[in-house]
Amino acid sequence: RAGIRSLLRRFEDQQAALDEAAKSQAALLNAHARSEARCEALEAQIVAARREAVEARRIAAESSTNVASLAADLAKRPVRDEVEARASEAFAAATKDAHAAIAAAEDRFAQRS
């Protein structure tokens, strides 16, 4: 009987050890599954970040082109002082023409009277 009890205890101890090993194995598998899920999420974030980087480069290139075009346009346009000078000359000429027209009208009116 003592031998059977000893064998039974050894069997129970082995069974307990196997149960612990199975629990450990399940925990490892669970951790591995979580790790894989995290890796997949990180891969998705990397893909999204790469897309955003491509879009940012496209926008930067477009902006750079727009700035270069604007700079070229500004280089072609007269400087502000020149524009003001031309406007002032045009206003002076228009004022002179208006005064001349008024004087001519006054002359005509005076001749009729």
C-alpha atoms as a PDB file:
ATOM      1  CA  ARG A   1       0.000   0.000   0.000  1.00  0.00           C
ATOM      2  CA  ALA A   2       2.796   2.445   0.802  1.00  0.00           C
ATOM      3  CA  GLY A   3       4.186   1.902  -2.679  1.00  0.00           C
ATOM      4  CA  ILE A   4       0.817   2.655  -4.258  1.00  0.00           C
ATOM      5  CA  ARG A   5       0.455   5.784  -2.145  1.00  0.00           C
ATOM      6  CA  SER A   6       3.921   6.867  -3.138  1.00  0.00           C
ATOM      7  CA  LEU A   7       3.133   6.246  -6.799  1.00  0.00           C
ATOM      8  CA  LEU A   8      -0.175   8.106  -6.412  1.00  0.00           C
ATOM      9  CA  ARG A   9       1.620  11.102  -4.846  1.00  0.00           C
ATOM     10  CA  ARG A  10       4.203  11.106  -7.609  1.00  0.00           C
ATOM     11  CA  PHE A  11       1.425  10.919 -10.189  1.00  0.00           C
ATOM     12  CA  GLU A  12      -0.422  13.819  -8.495  1.00  0.00           C
ATOM     13  CA  ASP A  13       2.806  15.845  -8.301  1.00  0.00           C
ATOM     14  CA  GLN A  14       3.501  15.161 -11.988  1.00  0.00           C
ATOM     15  CA  GLN A  15      -0.087  16.071 -12.846  1.00  0.00           C
ATOM     16  CA  ALA A  16       0.254  19.355 -10.907  1.00  0.00           C
ATOM     17  CA  ALA A  17       3.554  20.076 -12.685  1.00  0.00           C
ATOM     18  CA  LEU A  18       1.905  19.357 -16.054  1.00  0.00           C
ATOM     19  CA  ASP A  19      -0.998  21.658 -15.126  1.00  0.00           C
ATOM     20  CA  GLU A  20       1.465  24.431 -14.230  1.00  0.00           C
ATOM     21  CA  ALA A  21       3.364  23.858 -17.477  1.00  0.00           C
ATOM     22  CA  ALA A  22       0.101  24.033 -19.436  1.00  0.00           C
ATOM     23  CA  LYS A  23      -0.824  27.295 -17.694  1.00  0.00           C
ATOM     24  CA  SER A  24       2.619  28.704 -18.459  1.00  0.00           C
ATOM     25  CA  GLN A  25       2.332  27.589 -22.083  1.00  0.00           C
ATOM     26  CA  ALA A  26      -1.121  29.217 -22.374  1.00  0.00           C
ATOM     27  CA  ALA A  27       0.243  32.440 -20.854  1.00  0.00           C
ATOM     28  CA  LEU A  28       3.144  32.418 -23.327  1.00  0.00           C
ATOM     29  CA  LEU A  29       0.802  31.824 -26.266  1.00  0.00           C
ATOM     30  CA  ASN A  30      -1.449  34.629 -25.044  1.00  0.00           C
ATOM     31  CA  ALA A  31       1.534  36.993 -24.691  1.00  0.00           C
ATOM     32  CA  HIS A  32       2.727  36.018 -28.159  1.00  0.00           C
ATOM     33  CA  ALA A  33      -0.717  36.745 -29.634  1.00  0.00           C
ATOM     34  CA  ARG A  34      -0.760  40.164 -27.929  1.00  0.00           C
ATOM     35  CA  SER A  35       2.742  40.838 -29.216  1.00  0.00           C
ATOM     36  CA  GLU A  36       1.712  39.950 -32.766  1.00  0.00           C
ATOM     37  CA  ALA A  37      -1.314  42.231 -32.471  1.00  0.00           C
ATOM     38  CA  ARG A  38       0.942  45.075 -31.304  1.00  0.00           C
ATOM     39  CA  CYS A  39       3.316  44.431 -34.211  1.00  0.00           C
ATOM     40  CA  GLU A  40       0.435  44.559 -36.685  1.00  0.00           C
ATOM     41  CA  ALA A  41      -0.797  47.816 -35.141  1.00  0.00           C
ATOM     42  CA  LEU A  42       2.706  49.281 -35.357  1.00  0.00           C
ATOM     43  CA  GLU A  43       3.022  48.179 -38.979  1.00  0.00           C
ATOM     44  CA  ALA A  44      -0.285  49.912 -39.749  1.00  0.00           C
ATOM     45  CA  GLN A  45       0.988  53.072 -38.042  1.00  0.00           C
ATOM     46  CA  ILE A  46       4.211  52.916 -40.059  1.00  0.00           C
ATOM     47  CA  VAL A  47       2.256  52.574 -43.303  1.00  0.00           C
ATOM     48  CA  ALA A  48       0.047  55.533 -42.325  1.00  0.00           C
ATOM     49  CA  ALA A  49       3.101  57.613 -41.367  1.00  0.00           C
ATOM     50  CA  ARG A  50       4.731  56.839 -44.720  1.00  0.00           C
ATOM     51  CA  ARG A  51       1.570  57.930 -46.534  1.00  0.00           C
ATOM     52  CA  GLU A  52       1.505  61.146 -44.518  1.00  0.00           C
ATOM     53  CA  ALA A  53       5.175  61.763 -45.309  1.00  0.00           C
ATOM     54  CA  VAL A  54       4.520  61.308 -49.036  1.00  0.00           C
ATOM     55  CA  GLU A  55       1.583  63.729 -48.821  1.00  0.00           C
ATOM     56  CA  ALA A  56       3.689  66.226 -46.853  1.00  0.00           C
ATOM     57  CA  ARG A  57       6.443  66.038 -49.485  1.00  0.00           C
ATOM     58  CA  ARG A  58       3.872  66.592 -52.242  1.00  0.00           C
ATOM     59  CA  ILE A  59       2.429  69.619 -50.448  1.00  0.00           C
ATOM     60  CA  ALA A  60       5.914  71.005 -49.784  1.00  0.00           C
ATOM     61  CA  ALA A  61       6.874  70.594 -53.443  1.00  0.00           C
ATOM     62  CA  GLU A  62       3.636  72.248 -54.538  1.00  0.00           C
ATOM     63  CA  SER A  63       4.188  75.107 -52.078  1.00  0.00           C
ATOM     64  CA  SER A  64       7.757  75.502 -53.249  1.00  0.00           C
ATOM     65  CA  THR A  65       6.556  75.674 -56.853  1.00  0.00           C
ATOM     66  CA  ASN A  66       3.918  78.255 -55.904  1.00  0.00           C
ATOM     67  CA  VAL A  67       6.471  80.371 -54.035  1.00  0.00           C
ATOM     68  CA  ALA A  68       8.889  80.219 -56.957  1.00  0.00           C
ATOM     69  CA  SER A  69       6.112  81.207 -59.351  1.00  0.00           C
ATOM     70  CA  LEU A  70       5.074  84.067 -57.087  1.00  0.00           C
ATOM     71  CA  ALA A  71       8.668  85.255 -56.806  1.00  0.00           C
ATOM     72  CA  ALA A  72       8.993  85.175 -60.585  1.00  0.00           C
ATOM     73  CA  ASP A  73       5.766  87.153 -60.961  1.00  0.00           C
ATOM     74  CA  LEU A  74       6.925  89.721 -58.433  1.00  0.00           C
ATOM     75  CA  ALA A  75      10.238  90.037 -60.208  1.00  0.00           C
ATOM     76  CA  LYS A  76       8.389  90.847 -63.459  1.00  0.00           C
ATOM     77  CA  ARG A  77       6.135  93.476 -61.894  1.00  0.00           C
ATOM     78  CA  PRO A  78       7.235  97.075 -61.499  1.00  0.00           C
ATOM     79  CA  VAL A  79       8.400  98.063 -58.069  1.00  0.00           C
ATOM     80  CA  ARG A  80       5.831  99.766 -55.821  1.00  0.00           C
ATOM     81  CA  ASP A  81       7.519 103.160 -56.184  1.00  0.00           C
ATOM     82  CA  GLU A  82       7.321 102.871 -59.964  1.00  0.00           C
ATOM     83  CA  VAL A  83       3.643 102.013 -59.783  1.00  0.00           C
ATOM     84  CA  GLU A  84       2.999 104.972 -57.489  1.00  0.00           C
ATOM     85  CA  ALA A  85       4.977 107.274 -59.792  1.00  0.00           C
ATOM     86  CA  ARG A  86       3.012 106.107 -62.836  1.00  0.00           C
ATOM     87  CA  ALA A  87      -0.264 106.520 -60.969  1.00  0.00           C
ATOM     88  CA  SER A  88       0.763 110.014 -59.879  1.00  0.00           C
ATOM     89  CA  GLU A  89       1.738 110.940 -63.461  1.00  0.00           C
ATOM     90  CA  ALA A  90      -1.546 109.546 -64.778  1.00  0.00           C
ATOM     91  CA  PHE A  91      -3.490 111.503 -62.156  1.00  0.00           C
ATOM     92  CA  ALA A  92      -1.584 114.701 -62.987  1.00  0.00           C
ATOM     93  CA  ALA A  93      -2.236 114.206 -66.697  1.00  0.00           C
ATOM     94  CA  ALA A  94      -5.915 113.513 -66.061  1.00  0.00           C
ATOM     95  CA  THR A  95      -6.154 116.607 -63.828  1.00  0.00           C
ATOM     96  CA  LYS A  96      -4.439 118.728 -66.486  1.00  0.00           C
ATOM     97  CA  ASP A  97      -6.809 117.361 -69.158  1.00  0.00           C
ATOM     98  CA  ALA A  98      -9.795 118.014 -66.886  1.00  0.00           C
ATOM     99  CA  HIS A  99      -8.661 121.598 -66.246  1.00  0.00           C
ATOM    100  CA  ALA A 100      -8.130 122.117 -69.965  1.00  0.00           C
ATOM    101  CA  ALA A 101     -11.586 120.727 -70.706  1.00  0.00           C
ATOM    102  CA  ILE A 102     -13.131 122.985 -68.037  1.00  0.00           C
ATOM    103  CA  ALA A 103     -11.271 126.017 -69.430  1.00  0.00           C
ATOM    104  CA  ALA A 104     -12.400 125.192 -72.973  1.00  0.00           C
ATOM    105  CA  ALA A 105     -15.983 124.804 -71.803  1.00  0.00           C
ATOM    106  CA  GLU A 106     -15.789 128.122 -69.957  1.00  0.00           C
ATOM    107  CA  ASP A 107     -14.382 129.758 -73.085  1.00  0.00           C
ATOM    108  CA  ARG A 108     -17.195 128.358 -75.220  1.00  0.00           C
ATOM    109  CA  PHE A 109     -19.735 129.467 -72.664  1.00  0.00           C
ATOM    110  CA  ALA A 110     -18.169 132.952 -72.560  1.00  0.00           C
ATOM    111  CA  GLN A 111     -18.213 133.199 -76.371  1.00  0.00           C
ATOM    112  CA  ARG A 112     -21.901 132.317 -76.469  1.00  0.00           C
ATOM    113  CA  SER A 113     -22.794 134.875 -73.892  1.00  0.00           C
END
